[in-house]
Amino acid sequence: MRLGIILVLIVFVLTGVKSVGWLQKKGIFINRWIFGFSAFLIVLIPSVVFPTIPTSVSSTLYLLSGLFAIMFFETGRRMIEKGEIKGMVRADQFPKKGK
């Protein structure tokens, strides 16, 4: 059971990563903040508008929300690697101390 859950989560994360790669390979570059905001709004708006949502619809919305969150972080990671935005400080950015 635990192994199945781990495998499903790995496949879920890889689906988000591969989706970003596929979109960028096709020449579709979506702003990462669109993924970021849609990750929350895709769940928030239907739950505010409709007081009762079927469980299947709610689960689907949560899955899409998670997928968009993964795509948000993957898009950011790719932008950092390309040098389009600043990210975490790398060790090679600092001069080595002479001893």
Protein backbone atom coordinates (compact mmCIF):
# COMPACT_ATOMS: atom_id res chain seq x y z
CA MET A 1 0.00 0.00 0.00
CA ARG A 2 2.75 2.45 0.95
CA LEU A 3 4.73 1.61 -2.14
CA GLY A 4 1.68 2.24 -4.30
CA ILE A 5 1.15 5.68 -2.77
CA ILE A 6 4.81 6.55 -3.26
CA LEU A 7 4.70 5.45 -6.89
CA VAL A 8 1.51 7.43 -7.55
CA LEU A 9 3.08 10.56 -6.05
CA ILE A 10 6.24 10.12 -8.12
CA VAL A 11 4.19 9.71 -11.30
CA PHE A 12 2.11 12.77 -10.32
CA VAL A 13 5.19 14.97 -9.87
CA LEU A 14 6.79 13.68 -13.07
CA THR A 15 3.57 14.43 -14.95
CA GLY A 16 3.81 18.08 -13.93
CA VAL A 17 7.49 18.27 -14.83
CA LYS A 18 6.99 16.61 -18.21
CA SER A 19 3.98 18.84 -18.94
CA VAL A 20 6.11 21.96 -18.56
CA GLY A 21 8.80 20.45 -20.78
CA TRP A 22 6.25 19.46 -23.40
CA LEU A 23 4.66 22.92 -23.41
CA GLN A 24 8.02 24.65 -23.76
CA LYS A 25 9.10 22.27 -26.50
CA LYS A 26 5.94 23.24 -28.42
CA GLY A 27 6.86 26.91 -27.98
CA ILE A 28 4.18 27.63 -25.39
CA PHE A 29 5.71 29.65 -22.56
CA ILE A 30 3.09 30.34 -19.90
CA ASN A 31 3.99 32.80 -17.18
CA ARG A 32 4.69 30.89 -14.00
CA TRP A 33 2.43 33.18 -11.98
CA ILE A 34 -0.54 32.02 -14.05
CA PHE A 35 0.19 28.50 -12.80
CA GLY A 36 0.68 29.82 -9.27
CA PHE A 37 -2.57 31.74 -9.07
CA SER A 38 -4.58 29.09 -10.87
CA ALA A 39 -3.36 26.47 -8.40
CA PHE A 40 -5.35 28.24 -5.68
CA LEU A 41 -8.17 29.79 -7.68
CA ILE A 42 -9.17 26.54 -9.37
CA VAL A 43 -10.27 25.26 -5.95
CA LEU A 44 -11.26 28.52 -4.30
CA ILE A 45 -13.71 29.89 -6.87
CA PRO A 46 -15.91 26.78 -7.28
CA SER A 47 -16.04 26.23 -3.51
CA VAL A 48 -17.22 29.82 -2.98
CA VAL A 49 -19.71 29.82 -5.85
CA PHE A 50 -21.18 26.36 -5.20
CA PRO A 51 -21.81 25.46 -1.55
CA THR A 52 -22.03 21.74 -2.28
CA ILE A 53 -19.64 20.19 -4.75
CA PRO A 54 -19.65 16.45 -5.52
CA THR A 55 -16.67 14.55 -4.16
CA SER A 56 -15.48 13.50 -7.61
CA VAL A 57 -15.44 17.10 -8.87
CA SER A 58 -13.74 18.29 -5.71
CA SER A 59 -11.06 15.58 -6.02
CA THR A 60 -10.46 16.48 -9.65
CA LEU A 61 -10.07 20.14 -8.76
CA TYR A 62 -7.57 19.28 -6.01
CA LEU A 63 -5.58 17.13 -8.45
CA LEU A 64 -5.48 19.97 -10.99
CA SER A 65 -4.48 22.37 -8.23
CA GLY A 66 -1.58 20.14 -7.24
CA LEU A 67 -0.53 19.75 -10.85
CA PHE A 68 -0.53 23.51 -11.39
CA ALA A 69 1.52 24.01 -8.22
CA ILE A 70 4.13 21.54 -9.47
CA MET A 71 4.16 23.29 -12.85
CA PHE A 72 4.64 26.65 -11.09
CA PHE A 73 7.75 25.43 -9.29
CA GLU A 74 9.11 23.61 -12.35
CA THR A 75 8.71 26.71 -14.51
CA GLY A 76 10.57 28.72 -11.88
CA ARG A 77 13.35 26.14 -11.73
CA ARG A 78 13.81 26.24 -15.48
CA MET A 79 13.91 30.04 -15.45
CA ILE A 80 16.59 30.00 -12.75
CA GLU A 81 18.68 27.50 -14.73
CA LYS A 82 18.47 29.69 -17.84
CA GLY A 83 19.43 32.77 -15.83
CA GLU A 84 16.18 34.56 -16.61
CA ILE A 85 15.54 35.24 -12.92
CA LYS A 86 17.71 35.20 -9.82
CA GLY A 87 17.38 32.20 -7.62
CA MET A 88 19.33 30.63 -4.84
CA VAL A 89 22.92 31.69 -4.39
CA ARG A 90 25.40 29.24 -5.87
CA ALA A 91 28.76 28.57 -4.25
CA ASP A 92 30.69 29.50 -7.39
CA GLN A 93 29.42 33.10 -7.15
CA PHE A 94 31.71 33.85 -4.20
CA PRO A 95 35.50 34.10 -4.37
CA LYS A 96 37.39 31.44 -2.47
CA LYS A 97 39.16 32.55 0.66
CA GLY A 98 42.90 32.25 0.49
CA LYS A 99 44.46 30.33 3.36
